Amino acid sequence: MTKTNRNPGVSRGARLSDEGLQRLEKRLASGIRLNTPVLAQWIHRYGEAAREIIQRHGQYSAELDSL
């Protein structure tokens, strides 16, 4: 039996890359409505870049201003 190296999940470094922001952009561009807590997580992780994407797609709300 051979031993295989497994890499579960996505590493934090990869999750916080431009690739993550591209995933957010793609989801919002496809018309998917994300709820406020999920949008808040994106802003918490990615900061102003995520906030700008969310605003551009019209899903920004006053609740997200407190972040």
Protein backbone atom coordinates (compact mmCIF):
# COMPACT_ATOMS: atom_id res chain seq x y z
CA MET A 1 0.00 0.00 0.00
CA THR A 2 1.37 3.41 -0.93
CA LYS A 3 1.00 6.44 1.22
CA THR A 4 -0.56 9.47 -0.45
CA ASN A 5 -0.10 13.02 0.68
CA ARG A 6 -3.39 14.79 1.07
CA ASN A 7 -3.98 18.48 1.33
CA PRO A 8 -7.42 18.99 2.83
CA GLY A 9 -9.28 22.24 2.29
CA VAL A 10 -7.87 25.50 1.10
CA SER A 11 -4.96 27.08 2.93
CA ARG A 12 -5.41 30.50 4.48
CA GLY A 13 -2.82 31.96 2.13
CA ALA A 14 -4.68 30.73 -0.93
CA ARG A 15 -8.01 31.81 0.52
CA LEU A 16 -6.78 35.36 1.02
CA SER A 17 -5.37 35.74 -2.46
CA ASP A 18 -6.72 37.56 -5.48
CA GLU A 19 -8.29 34.25 -6.43
CA GLY A 20 -10.70 34.61 -3.51
CA LEU A 21 -11.76 38.06 -4.66
CA GLN A 22 -12.28 36.68 -8.16
CA ARG A 23 -14.60 34.02 -6.70
CA LEU A 24 -16.61 36.72 -4.92
CA GLU A 25 -16.82 38.76 -8.13
CA LYS A 26 -17.96 35.72 -10.11
CA ARG A 27 -20.68 34.81 -7.60
CA LEU A 28 -22.08 38.31 -7.42
CA ALA A 29 -21.88 38.78 -11.20
CA SER A 30 -23.94 35.62 -11.70
CA GLY A 31 -26.77 37.20 -9.72
CA ILE A 32 -26.44 35.14 -6.56
CA ARG A 33 -27.76 37.11 -3.56
CA LEU A 34 -25.55 36.56 -0.52
CA ASN A 35 -26.95 37.26 2.92
CA THR A 36 -25.50 39.99 5.12
CA PRO A 37 -23.46 37.75 7.47
CA VAL A 38 -21.76 36.10 4.48
CA LEU A 39 -20.96 39.48 2.93
CA ALA A 40 -19.62 40.60 6.30
CA GLN A 41 -17.24 37.61 6.33
CA TRP A 42 -15.94 38.56 2.90
CA ILE A 43 -15.29 42.12 4.07
CA HIS A 44 -13.66 40.89 7.28
CA ARG A 45 -11.28 38.64 5.35
CA TYR A 46 -10.54 40.78 2.30
CA GLY A 47 -11.18 44.34 3.50
CA GLU A 48 -11.83 47.26 1.18
CA ALA A 49 -11.34 45.24 -2.00
CA ALA A 50 -14.30 43.02 -1.08
CA ARG A 51 -16.35 46.03 0.03
CA GLU A 52 -15.86 47.67 -3.38
CA ILE A 53 -16.89 44.51 -5.25
CA ILE A 54 -20.02 44.15 -3.11
CA GLN A 55 -20.94 47.80 -3.66
CA ARG A 56 -20.37 47.49 -7.41
CA HIS A 57 -22.89 44.64 -7.55
CA GLY A 58 -25.52 46.48 -5.50
CA GLN A 59 -25.53 44.17 -2.50
CA TYR A 60 -24.04 46.59 0.00
CA SER A 61 -26.24 47.56 2.94
CA ALA A 62 -25.95 49.97 5.86
CA GLU A 63 -25.40 46.99 8.19
CA LEU A 64 -22.01 46.41 6.57
CA ASP A 65 -20.85 49.95 7.44
CA SER A 66 -20.15 48.87 11.02
CA LEU A 67 -17.34 46.58 9.87
